[in-house]
N, C-alpha and C. Protein backbone atom coordinates (compact mmCIF):
# COMPACT_ATOMS: atom_id res chain seq x y z
N MET A 1 -20.25 -10.44 -39.82
CA MET A 1 -19.61 -9.28 -40.42
C MET A 1 -18.56 -8.74 -39.46
N ASN A 2 -17.35 -8.54 -39.97
CA ASN A 2 -16.27 -8.01 -39.15
C ASN A 2 -16.30 -6.49 -39.21
N ALA A 3 -16.15 -5.88 -38.05
CA ALA A 3 -16.13 -4.42 -38.01
C ALA A 3 -14.74 -3.94 -38.34
N ASP A 4 -14.67 -2.94 -39.17
CA ASP A 4 -13.39 -2.33 -39.54
C ASP A 4 -13.02 -1.36 -38.43
N PRO A 5 -11.85 -1.53 -37.78
CA PRO A 5 -11.47 -0.64 -36.69
C PRO A 5 -11.37 0.81 -37.12
N GLU A 6 -11.13 1.03 -38.41
CA GLU A 6 -11.02 2.40 -38.90
C GLU A 6 -12.38 3.10 -38.92
N THR A 7 -13.45 2.31 -39.13
CA THR A 7 -14.78 2.92 -39.29
C THR A 7 -15.67 2.73 -38.07
N THR A 8 -15.22 1.97 -37.07
CA THR A 8 -16.03 1.78 -35.89
C THR A 8 -16.01 3.06 -35.07
N SER A 9 -17.18 3.55 -34.73
CA SER A 9 -17.24 4.80 -33.97
C SER A 9 -17.24 4.48 -32.48
N PRO A 10 -16.85 5.44 -31.66
CA PRO A 10 -16.86 5.24 -30.21
C PRO A 10 -18.27 4.93 -29.70
N VAL A 11 -19.29 5.35 -30.44
CA VAL A 11 -20.66 5.09 -30.02
C VAL A 11 -20.95 3.59 -30.09
N ASP A 12 -20.32 2.89 -31.05
CA ASP A 12 -20.54 1.46 -31.21
C ASP A 12 -19.79 0.64 -30.14
N ALA A 13 -18.80 1.22 -29.53
CA ALA A 13 -18.01 0.50 -28.55
C ALA A 13 -18.82 0.31 -27.27
N PRO A 14 -18.62 -0.82 -26.59
CA PRO A 14 -19.34 -1.01 -25.33
C PRO A 14 -18.88 0.02 -24.31
N PRO A 15 -19.77 0.43 -23.42
CA PRO A 15 -19.37 1.44 -22.43
C PRO A 15 -18.28 0.88 -21.53
N ALA A 16 -17.34 1.72 -21.21
CA ALA A 16 -16.23 1.30 -20.34
C ALA A 16 -16.74 1.18 -18.91
N GLU A 17 -16.22 0.19 -18.20
CA GLU A 17 -16.57 0.04 -16.79
C GLU A 17 -15.97 1.22 -16.03
N PRO A 18 -16.70 1.76 -15.07
CA PRO A 18 -16.13 2.86 -14.29
C PRO A 18 -14.93 2.37 -13.48
N ARG A 19 -14.02 3.26 -13.24
CA ARG A 19 -12.84 2.92 -12.44
C ARG A 19 -13.26 2.73 -10.98
N SER A 20 -12.49 1.94 -10.27
CA SER A 20 -12.78 1.66 -8.87
C SER A 20 -12.83 2.96 -8.05
N GLU A 21 -11.93 3.90 -8.38
CA GLU A 21 -11.91 5.18 -7.65
C GLU A 21 -13.21 5.96 -7.87
N ASP A 22 -13.75 5.88 -9.11
CA ASP A 22 -15.01 6.57 -9.40
C ASP A 22 -16.17 5.93 -8.64
N ILE A 23 -16.16 4.61 -8.55
CA ILE A 23 -17.21 3.92 -7.81
C ILE A 23 -17.09 4.26 -6.32
N ALA A 24 -15.88 4.28 -5.81
CA ALA A 24 -15.67 4.62 -4.40
C ALA A 24 -16.21 6.01 -4.10
N GLU A 25 -15.94 6.95 -4.98
CA GLU A 25 -16.45 8.32 -4.78
C GLU A 25 -17.97 8.34 -4.85
N ALA A 26 -18.54 7.63 -5.79
CA ALA A 26 -20.01 7.57 -5.90
C ALA A 26 -20.61 6.95 -4.65
N MET A 27 -19.96 5.93 -4.10
CA MET A 27 -20.46 5.31 -2.87
C MET A 27 -20.38 6.28 -1.70
N ARG A 28 -19.29 7.04 -1.61
CA ARG A 28 -19.17 8.03 -0.52
C ARG A 28 -20.26 9.08 -0.62
N LEU A 29 -20.59 9.49 -1.86
CA LEU A 29 -21.63 10.50 -2.05
C LEU A 29 -23.02 9.95 -1.77
N ARG A 30 -23.30 8.73 -2.23
CA ARG A 30 -24.64 8.13 -2.06
C ARG A 30 -24.88 7.60 -0.65
N PHE A 31 -23.84 7.03 -0.06
CA PHE A 31 -23.99 6.37 1.24
C PHE A 31 -22.89 6.83 2.20
N PRO A 32 -22.89 8.13 2.55
CA PRO A 32 -21.78 8.66 3.36
C PRO A 32 -21.71 8.05 4.76
N ALA A 33 -22.82 7.60 5.31
CA ALA A 33 -22.80 7.02 6.66
C ALA A 33 -22.00 5.73 6.69
N LEU A 34 -21.94 5.02 5.57
CA LEU A 34 -21.22 3.76 5.52
C LEU A 34 -19.85 3.90 4.87
N PHE A 35 -19.77 4.66 3.78
CA PHE A 35 -18.52 4.72 3.01
C PHE A 35 -17.73 6.01 3.23
N GLY A 36 -18.24 6.95 4.02
CA GLY A 36 -17.48 8.16 4.34
C GLY A 36 -16.70 7.90 5.62
N GLY A 37 -15.54 8.45 5.73
CA GLY A 37 -14.74 8.28 6.94
C GLY A 37 -14.04 6.95 7.02
N ALA A 38 -13.76 6.55 8.25
CA ALA A 38 -13.02 5.30 8.48
C ALA A 38 -13.87 4.11 8.02
N PRO A 39 -13.21 3.06 7.53
CA PRO A 39 -13.96 1.88 7.08
C PRO A 39 -14.77 1.25 8.20
N LYS A 40 -15.95 0.78 7.83
CA LYS A 40 -16.82 0.05 8.76
C LYS A 40 -17.11 -1.31 8.14
N PRO A 41 -17.27 -2.34 8.97
CA PRO A 41 -17.63 -3.64 8.42
C PRO A 41 -19.00 -3.57 7.73
N LEU A 42 -19.06 -4.11 6.53
CA LEU A 42 -20.28 -4.04 5.74
C LEU A 42 -21.24 -5.16 6.11
N LYS A 43 -22.51 -4.83 6.10
CA LYS A 43 -23.57 -5.82 6.31
C LYS A 43 -23.42 -6.91 5.26
N LEU A 44 -23.68 -8.14 5.65
CA LEU A 44 -23.64 -9.23 4.69
C LEU A 44 -24.69 -9.00 3.61
N ARG A 45 -24.39 -9.36 2.41
CA ARG A 45 -25.25 -9.17 1.22
C ARG A 45 -25.56 -7.69 0.97
N ILE A 46 -24.59 -6.83 1.25
CA ILE A 46 -24.76 -5.38 1.03
C ILE A 46 -24.91 -5.05 -0.44
N GLN A 47 -24.37 -5.90 -1.31
CA GLN A 47 -24.46 -5.63 -2.74
C GLN A 47 -25.92 -5.59 -3.18
N ALA A 48 -26.75 -6.48 -2.68
CA ALA A 48 -28.17 -6.47 -3.04
C ALA A 48 -28.83 -5.19 -2.55
N ASP A 49 -28.46 -4.72 -1.37
CA ASP A 49 -29.02 -3.46 -0.84
C ASP A 49 -28.61 -2.28 -1.72
N ILE A 50 -27.36 -2.27 -2.16
CA ILE A 50 -26.88 -1.17 -3.01
C ILE A 50 -27.64 -1.16 -4.33
N ARG A 51 -27.78 -2.33 -4.93
CA ARG A 51 -28.47 -2.43 -6.23
C ARG A 51 -29.95 -2.04 -6.08
N GLU A 52 -30.54 -2.31 -4.92
CA GLU A 52 -31.94 -1.94 -4.68
C GLU A 52 -32.09 -0.44 -4.49
N ARG A 53 -31.16 0.17 -3.77
CA ARG A 53 -31.23 1.61 -3.49
C ARG A 53 -30.69 2.47 -4.63
N ALA A 54 -29.86 1.88 -5.49
CA ALA A 54 -29.29 2.61 -6.63
C ALA A 54 -29.43 1.73 -7.88
N PRO A 55 -30.68 1.49 -8.30
CA PRO A 55 -30.87 0.57 -9.43
C PRO A 55 -30.24 1.11 -10.71
N GLY A 56 -29.50 0.24 -11.38
CA GLY A 56 -28.91 0.59 -12.67
C GLY A 56 -27.70 1.51 -12.60
N VAL A 57 -27.31 1.95 -11.42
CA VAL A 57 -26.18 2.87 -11.31
C VAL A 57 -24.86 2.14 -11.48
N PHE A 58 -24.75 0.96 -10.89
CA PHE A 58 -23.51 0.20 -10.94
C PHE A 58 -23.79 -1.15 -11.57
N SER A 59 -22.92 -1.57 -12.48
CA SER A 59 -23.06 -2.92 -13.02
C SER A 59 -22.67 -3.91 -11.92
N LYS A 60 -23.17 -5.13 -12.04
CA LYS A 60 -22.87 -6.15 -11.04
C LYS A 60 -21.37 -6.40 -10.98
N ALA A 61 -20.72 -6.46 -12.15
CA ALA A 61 -19.27 -6.72 -12.18
C ALA A 61 -18.49 -5.59 -11.53
N ALA A 62 -18.86 -4.34 -11.84
CA ALA A 62 -18.13 -3.20 -11.27
C ALA A 62 -18.34 -3.13 -9.77
N LEU A 63 -19.56 -3.38 -9.32
CA LEU A 63 -19.85 -3.34 -7.89
C LEU A 63 -19.12 -4.46 -7.15
N SER A 64 -19.10 -5.64 -7.74
CA SER A 64 -18.39 -6.76 -7.13
C SER A 64 -16.90 -6.46 -7.02
N ALA A 65 -16.33 -5.90 -8.07
CA ALA A 65 -14.90 -5.56 -8.06
C ALA A 65 -14.61 -4.51 -6.99
N PHE A 66 -15.47 -3.50 -6.89
CA PHE A 66 -15.28 -2.47 -5.87
C PHE A 66 -15.34 -3.08 -4.47
N LEU A 67 -16.35 -3.90 -4.22
CA LEU A 67 -16.52 -4.47 -2.88
C LEU A 67 -15.37 -5.41 -2.52
N ARG A 68 -14.88 -6.17 -3.49
CA ARG A 68 -13.70 -7.03 -3.24
C ARG A 68 -12.50 -6.18 -2.83
N ARG A 69 -12.31 -5.11 -3.56
CA ARG A 69 -11.16 -4.24 -3.27
C ARG A 69 -11.34 -3.56 -1.91
N HIS A 70 -12.55 -3.05 -1.66
CA HIS A 70 -12.84 -2.33 -0.42
C HIS A 70 -12.66 -3.25 0.80
N THR A 71 -13.22 -4.45 0.74
CA THR A 71 -13.16 -5.36 1.88
C THR A 71 -11.81 -6.06 2.01
N GLY A 72 -10.96 -5.92 1.02
CA GLY A 72 -9.63 -6.49 1.10
C GLY A 72 -8.58 -5.53 1.63
N ARG A 73 -8.97 -4.28 1.83
CA ARG A 73 -8.01 -3.30 2.34
C ARG A 73 -7.65 -3.60 3.79
N THR A 74 -6.43 -3.32 4.14
CA THR A 74 -5.96 -3.57 5.50
C THR A 74 -6.79 -2.81 6.52
N SER A 75 -7.14 -1.57 6.24
CA SER A 75 -7.93 -0.77 7.18
C SER A 75 -9.31 -1.39 7.40
N TYR A 76 -9.88 -1.99 6.36
CA TYR A 76 -11.18 -2.66 6.50
C TYR A 76 -11.02 -3.90 7.38
N LEU A 77 -9.97 -4.68 7.14
CA LEU A 77 -9.76 -5.88 7.95
C LEU A 77 -9.54 -5.54 9.41
N ILE A 78 -8.84 -4.46 9.68
CA ILE A 78 -8.64 -4.02 11.06
C ILE A 78 -9.98 -3.66 11.68
N ALA A 79 -10.82 -2.92 10.93
CA ALA A 79 -12.15 -2.57 11.43
C ALA A 79 -12.97 -3.82 11.73
N LEU A 80 -12.84 -4.82 10.87
CA LEU A 80 -13.58 -6.07 11.05
C LEU A 80 -13.16 -6.79 12.33
N THR A 81 -11.89 -6.69 12.70
CA THR A 81 -11.43 -7.35 13.92
C THR A 81 -11.81 -6.57 15.17
N ARG A 82 -12.10 -5.30 15.05
CA ARG A 82 -12.36 -4.46 16.23
C ARG A 82 -13.84 -4.19 16.49
N ALA A 83 -14.65 -4.19 15.46
CA ALA A 83 -16.07 -3.85 15.63
C ALA A 83 -16.86 -5.06 16.13
N SER A 84 -17.99 -4.78 16.75
CA SER A 84 -18.85 -5.87 17.20
C SER A 84 -19.95 -6.17 16.18
N HIS A 85 -20.31 -5.15 15.37
CA HIS A 85 -21.40 -5.31 14.40
C HIS A 85 -20.97 -4.88 13.01
N ARG A 86 -21.71 -5.34 12.05
CA ARG A 86 -21.60 -4.85 10.68
C ARG A 86 -22.58 -3.71 10.55
N PHE A 87 -22.46 -2.93 9.45
CA PHE A 87 -23.30 -1.75 9.29
C PHE A 87 -24.02 -1.77 7.95
N ASP A 88 -25.23 -1.19 7.96
CA ASP A 88 -26.01 -1.11 6.72
C ASP A 88 -25.68 0.18 5.98
N LEU A 89 -26.38 0.44 4.89
CA LEU A 89 -26.09 1.61 4.05
C LEU A 89 -26.30 2.93 4.77
N ASP A 90 -27.13 2.93 5.82
CA ASP A 90 -27.38 4.15 6.57
C ASP A 90 -26.45 4.30 7.78
N GLY A 91 -25.51 3.37 7.91
CA GLY A 91 -24.55 3.42 9.01
C GLY A 91 -25.10 2.85 10.31
N ALA A 92 -26.27 2.21 10.25
CA ALA A 92 -26.87 1.62 11.45
C ALA A 92 -26.30 0.22 11.66
N PRO A 93 -26.11 -0.18 12.92
CA PRO A 93 -25.62 -1.53 13.17
C PRO A 93 -26.58 -2.56 12.59
N ALA A 94 -26.03 -3.58 12.01
CA ALA A 94 -26.83 -4.66 11.42
C ALA A 94 -26.47 -5.94 12.18
N ASP A 95 -26.10 -6.98 11.48
CA ASP A 95 -25.78 -8.25 12.11
C ASP A 95 -24.44 -8.20 12.84
N GLU A 96 -24.30 -9.09 13.82
CA GLU A 96 -23.03 -9.18 14.55
C GLU A 96 -21.98 -9.83 13.66
N ILE A 97 -20.74 -9.51 13.95
CA ILE A 97 -19.63 -10.13 13.21
C ILE A 97 -19.37 -11.49 13.83
N SER A 98 -19.36 -12.51 13.01
CA SER A 98 -19.14 -13.87 13.52
C SER A 98 -17.68 -14.04 13.93
N ALA A 99 -17.48 -14.96 14.86
CA ALA A 99 -16.11 -15.27 15.30
C ALA A 99 -15.29 -15.78 14.13
N GLU A 100 -15.92 -16.51 13.22
CA GLU A 100 -15.22 -17.05 12.05
C GLU A 100 -14.71 -15.92 11.14
N HIS A 101 -15.55 -14.91 10.90
CA HIS A 101 -15.14 -13.79 10.05
C HIS A 101 -14.07 -12.95 10.73
N ARG A 102 -14.24 -12.75 12.03
CA ARG A 102 -13.24 -11.97 12.78
C ARG A 102 -11.89 -12.69 12.74
N GLN A 103 -11.91 -14.02 12.91
CA GLN A 103 -10.67 -14.81 12.89
C GLN A 103 -10.04 -14.79 11.50
N ALA A 104 -10.86 -14.88 10.45
CA ALA A 104 -10.33 -14.85 9.08
C ALA A 104 -9.63 -13.51 8.82
N ALA A 105 -10.23 -12.42 9.29
CA ALA A 105 -9.62 -11.10 9.12
C ALA A 105 -8.32 -11.01 9.91
N SER A 106 -8.34 -11.52 11.12
CA SER A 106 -7.14 -11.51 11.96
C SER A 106 -6.03 -12.34 11.33
N ASP A 107 -6.38 -13.50 10.80
CA ASP A 107 -5.39 -14.36 10.14
C ASP A 107 -4.79 -13.67 8.91
N GLU A 108 -5.63 -12.98 8.14
CA GLU A 108 -5.13 -12.29 6.95
C GLU A 108 -4.20 -11.14 7.35
N LEU A 109 -4.55 -10.42 8.40
CA LEU A 109 -3.68 -9.35 8.87
C LEU A 109 -2.33 -9.91 9.34
N ALA A 110 -2.36 -11.04 10.03
CA ALA A 110 -1.11 -11.67 10.48
C ALA A 110 -0.29 -12.13 9.28
N ARG A 111 -0.95 -12.67 8.26
CA ARG A 111 -0.24 -13.10 7.06
C ARG A 111 0.43 -11.91 6.38
N ARG A 112 -0.31 -10.80 6.26
CA ARG A 112 0.26 -9.59 5.64
C ARG A 112 1.41 -9.04 6.46
N ARG A 113 1.27 -9.04 7.78
CA ARG A 113 2.34 -8.53 8.64
C ARG A 113 3.60 -9.39 8.47
N ALA A 114 3.43 -10.71 8.46
CA ALA A 114 4.57 -11.61 8.29
C ALA A 114 5.22 -11.41 6.93
N LEU A 115 4.41 -11.24 5.90
CA LEU A 115 4.93 -11.00 4.56
C LEU A 115 5.73 -9.69 4.51
N ARG A 116 5.17 -8.63 5.13
CA ARG A 116 5.86 -7.34 5.17
C ARG A 116 7.18 -7.46 5.93
N GLU A 117 7.16 -8.16 7.06
CA GLU A 117 8.38 -8.32 7.85
C GLU A 117 9.43 -9.12 7.08
N THR A 118 8.99 -10.13 6.33
CA THR A 118 9.91 -10.91 5.51
C THR A 118 10.53 -10.04 4.43
N ARG A 119 9.70 -9.24 3.76
CA ARG A 119 10.21 -8.34 2.71
C ARG A 119 11.18 -7.33 3.30
N GLU A 120 10.85 -6.77 4.47
CA GLU A 120 11.73 -5.79 5.11
C GLU A 120 13.06 -6.43 5.51
N ALA A 121 13.00 -7.65 6.04
CA ALA A 121 14.23 -8.35 6.43
C ALA A 121 15.08 -8.65 5.20
N GLN A 122 14.43 -9.07 4.12
CA GLN A 122 15.16 -9.34 2.87
C GLN A 122 15.80 -8.06 2.33
N ALA A 123 15.05 -6.97 2.37
CA ALA A 123 15.58 -5.69 1.89
C ALA A 123 16.76 -5.24 2.74
N GLU A 124 16.67 -5.44 4.05
CA GLU A 124 17.78 -5.07 4.95
C GLU A 124 19.00 -5.93 4.67
N CYS A 125 18.78 -7.22 4.43
CA CYS A 125 19.89 -8.13 4.10
C CYS A 125 20.57 -7.68 2.80
N GLU A 126 19.77 -7.30 1.82
CA GLU A 126 20.33 -6.82 0.55
C GLU A 126 21.08 -5.51 0.73
N ARG A 127 20.55 -4.60 1.58
CA ARG A 127 21.24 -3.33 1.86
C ARG A 127 22.60 -3.60 2.51
N ARG A 128 22.62 -4.53 3.47
CA ARG A 128 23.89 -4.86 4.15
C ARG A 128 24.89 -5.46 3.17
N ALA A 129 24.40 -6.32 2.28
CA ALA A 129 25.30 -6.93 1.28
C ALA A 129 25.87 -5.86 0.36
N ARG A 130 25.04 -4.90 -0.04
CA ARG A 130 25.55 -3.80 -0.89
C ARG A 130 26.56 -2.95 -0.14
N ALA A 131 26.30 -2.68 1.14
CA ALA A 131 27.24 -1.89 1.94
C ALA A 131 28.58 -2.62 2.06
N GLU A 132 28.53 -3.92 2.28
CA GLU A 132 29.76 -4.72 2.37
C GLU A 132 30.49 -4.73 1.02
N LEU A 133 29.74 -4.83 -0.06
CA LEU A 133 30.33 -4.80 -1.40
C LEU A 133 31.05 -3.46 -1.62
N LEU A 134 30.42 -2.37 -1.21
CA LEU A 134 31.03 -1.05 -1.37
C LEU A 134 32.31 -0.94 -0.53
N ARG A 135 32.25 -1.38 0.72
CA ARG A 135 33.46 -1.33 1.56
C ARG A 135 34.59 -2.15 0.95
N ALA A 136 34.25 -3.33 0.45
CA ALA A 136 35.27 -4.20 -0.16
C ALA A 136 35.82 -3.57 -1.42
N PHE A 137 34.97 -2.94 -2.22
CA PHE A 137 35.42 -2.34 -3.47
C PHE A 137 36.34 -1.15 -3.19
N GLN A 138 36.02 -0.37 -2.15
CA GLN A 138 36.82 0.81 -1.83
C GLN A 138 38.20 0.43 -1.29
N SER A 139 38.33 -0.77 -0.76
CA SER A 139 39.62 -1.15 -0.19
C SER A 139 40.39 -2.17 -1.04
N THR A 140 39.86 -2.54 -2.20
CA THR A 140 40.53 -3.55 -3.00
C THR A 140 41.58 -2.96 -3.93
N SER A 141 42.53 -3.77 -4.26
CA SER A 141 43.51 -3.37 -5.28
C SER A 141 43.25 -4.14 -6.57
N LEU A 142 42.20 -4.95 -6.59
CA LEU A 142 41.84 -5.71 -7.80
C LEU A 142 41.21 -4.80 -8.84
N ASN A 143 41.36 -5.19 -10.10
CA ASN A 143 40.61 -4.45 -11.12
C ASN A 143 39.15 -4.87 -11.04
N ALA A 144 38.26 -4.15 -11.71
CA ALA A 144 36.82 -4.38 -11.61
C ALA A 144 36.43 -5.79 -12.04
N ALA A 145 37.03 -6.30 -13.11
CA ALA A 145 36.68 -7.64 -13.59
C ALA A 145 37.04 -8.71 -12.55
N ASN A 146 38.23 -8.60 -11.99
CA ASN A 146 38.63 -9.58 -10.98
C ASN A 146 37.81 -9.45 -9.70
N PHE A 147 37.50 -8.22 -9.33
CA PHE A 147 36.67 -7.98 -8.14
C PHE A 147 35.30 -8.63 -8.33
N CYS A 148 34.71 -8.42 -9.51
CA CYS A 148 33.40 -9.01 -9.81
C CYS A 148 33.46 -10.53 -9.76
N ALA A 149 34.51 -11.11 -10.29
CA ALA A 149 34.66 -12.56 -10.27
C ALA A 149 34.78 -13.06 -8.83
N LEU A 150 35.54 -12.35 -8.01
CA LEU A 150 35.73 -12.73 -6.62
C LEU A 150 34.42 -12.65 -5.83
N LYS A 151 33.65 -11.62 -6.08
CA LYS A 151 32.41 -11.38 -5.33
C LYS A 151 31.18 -12.03 -5.95
N GLY A 152 31.32 -12.60 -7.14
CA GLY A 152 30.18 -13.24 -7.78
C GLY A 152 29.15 -12.24 -8.29
N VAL A 153 29.62 -11.10 -8.73
CA VAL A 153 28.75 -10.04 -9.24
C VAL A 153 28.98 -9.92 -10.75
N ALA A 154 27.90 -9.80 -11.50
CA ALA A 154 28.04 -9.59 -12.94
C ALA A 154 28.65 -8.21 -13.16
N PRO A 155 29.66 -8.10 -14.04
CA PRO A 155 30.33 -6.81 -14.26
C PRO A 155 29.37 -5.69 -14.65
N GLU A 156 28.33 -6.01 -15.40
CA GLU A 156 27.38 -4.96 -15.81
C GLU A 156 26.49 -4.50 -14.65
N GLN A 157 26.48 -5.22 -13.54
CA GLN A 157 25.68 -4.83 -12.38
C GLN A 157 26.49 -4.05 -11.35
N LEU A 158 27.78 -4.13 -11.42
CA LEU A 158 28.63 -3.56 -10.37
C LEU A 158 28.39 -2.06 -10.17
N ASP A 159 28.43 -1.29 -11.23
CA ASP A 159 28.27 0.17 -11.09
C ASP A 159 26.93 0.53 -10.45
N GLY A 160 25.87 -0.15 -10.85
CA GLY A 160 24.55 0.12 -10.28
C GLY A 160 24.47 -0.23 -8.81
N LEU A 161 25.04 -1.38 -8.44
CA LEU A 161 25.05 -1.79 -7.04
C LEU A 161 25.85 -0.83 -6.17
N LEU A 162 27.01 -0.40 -6.68
CA LEU A 162 27.84 0.54 -5.92
C LEU A 162 27.16 1.90 -5.78
N ALA A 163 26.51 2.36 -6.84
CA ALA A 163 25.80 3.65 -6.78
C ALA A 163 24.67 3.59 -5.75
N LEU A 164 23.93 2.49 -5.76
CA LEU A 164 22.85 2.32 -4.80
C LEU A 164 23.40 2.25 -3.38
N ALA A 165 24.49 1.53 -3.19
CA ALA A 165 25.11 1.43 -1.86
C ALA A 165 25.57 2.80 -1.38
N ARG A 166 26.11 3.62 -2.28
CA ARG A 166 26.54 4.97 -1.89
C ARG A 166 25.35 5.83 -1.46
N ARG A 167 24.25 5.75 -2.23
CA ARG A 167 23.04 6.51 -1.88
C ARG A 167 22.50 6.06 -0.51
N GLU A 168 22.46 4.77 -0.29
CA GLU A 168 21.97 4.25 0.99
C GLU A 168 22.87 4.68 2.14
N ALA A 169 24.18 4.69 1.93
CA ALA A 169 25.11 5.13 2.97
C ALA A 169 24.89 6.61 3.27
N GLU A 170 24.66 7.39 2.23
CA GLU A 170 24.39 8.82 2.41
C GLU A 170 23.10 9.03 3.21
N GLU A 171 22.06 8.27 2.87
CA GLU A 171 20.79 8.38 3.59
C GLU A 171 20.96 7.99 5.05
N ARG A 172 21.70 6.92 5.31
CA ARG A 172 21.93 6.49 6.69
C ARG A 172 22.68 7.54 7.48
N SER A 173 23.66 8.18 6.84
CA SER A 173 24.43 9.19 7.57
C SER A 173 23.57 10.40 7.92
N HIS A 174 22.61 10.72 7.06
CA HIS A 174 21.70 11.85 7.37
C HIS A 174 20.72 11.47 8.47
N GLN A 175 20.28 10.22 8.49
CA GLN A 175 19.34 9.78 9.52
C GLN A 175 20.02 9.65 10.87
N ALA A 176 21.29 9.24 10.88
CA ALA A 176 21.99 8.99 12.13
C ALA A 176 22.59 10.26 12.73
N ALA A 177 22.73 11.30 11.93
CA ALA A 177 23.36 12.52 12.43
C ALA A 177 22.44 13.21 13.44
N PRO A 178 22.98 13.51 14.63
CA PRO A 178 22.15 14.22 15.62
C PRO A 178 21.90 15.64 15.15
N PRO A 179 20.77 16.20 15.54
CA PRO A 179 20.49 17.58 15.13
C PRO A 179 21.52 18.53 15.71
N ARG A 180 21.87 19.49 14.92
CA ARG A 180 22.85 20.48 15.37
C ARG A 180 22.16 21.48 16.28
N PRO A 181 22.81 21.78 17.38
CA PRO A 181 22.18 22.75 18.28
C PRO A 181 22.21 24.15 17.66
N GLY A 182 21.16 24.87 17.92
CA GLY A 182 21.09 26.24 17.42
C GLY A 182 21.86 27.16 18.35
N PRO A 183 21.85 28.43 18.05
CA PRO A 183 22.56 29.36 18.94
C PRO A 183 21.92 29.34 20.32
N ARG A 184 22.77 29.37 21.31
CA ARG A 184 22.26 29.33 22.67
C ARG A 184 21.85 30.72 23.11
N ALA A 185 20.75 30.76 23.77
CA ALA A 185 20.28 32.04 24.30
C ALA A 185 21.05 32.35 25.59
N ARG A 186 21.35 33.59 25.73
CA ARG A 186 22.05 34.01 26.96
C ARG A 186 21.05 34.09 28.09
N PRO A 187 21.48 33.63 29.25
CA PRO A 187 20.56 33.78 30.39
C PRO A 187 20.40 35.26 30.72
N PRO A 188 19.25 35.64 31.21
CA PRO A 188 19.06 37.05 31.56
C PRO A 188 20.04 37.48 32.64
N GLN A 189 20.55 38.68 32.49
CA GLN A 189 21.50 39.20 33.46
C GLN A 189 20.74 39.75 34.67
N ARG A 190 21.33 39.46 35.80
CA ARG A 190 20.70 39.95 37.03
C ARG A 190 21.14 41.37 37.30
N ARG A 191 20.24 42.14 37.65
CA ARG A 191 20.57 43.52 37.99
C ARG A 191 20.64 43.64 39.51
N GLY A 192 21.65 44.19 39.93
CA GLY A 192 21.86 44.23 41.36
C GLY A 192 21.88 45.53 41.89
């Protein structure tokens, strides 16, 4: 039998999985020694401990998704490379962190750093190209169509690129400008 969407009540719908933020808050409230404050490396098989101490509170899928997200955060990986032990739900040291796990976390952090540096370098290269495009456009005597053909820019993109280049130039000029000195205080006069 097919359910008619017009007549299906919200009561018949399966319960929605809690959001990751809601699970994170519930974990902070239930297990503040482990999930409150700065991230700590989690004891191996912590999911079984959570399900034992909070039976029926979290579905296996929701808990797995939360733990994947939590342990994938950069701050967690940094903690994993710096700590000597993992921690249980009460915040007590549990098993030692293996060299293999520490190395995997370190490798992932290096991969993320390299990716970020590549993105930043690419963004800087694009900013420089836009700045050069703006300088060339401001000094050209060509009409817009010919300028676009010369520079290999689609005519419909030119205005957007120039506007962005102008905004970036404005931002750079504000960042590079030295602070203006305030009024100078007069030195105290000596009484003689």
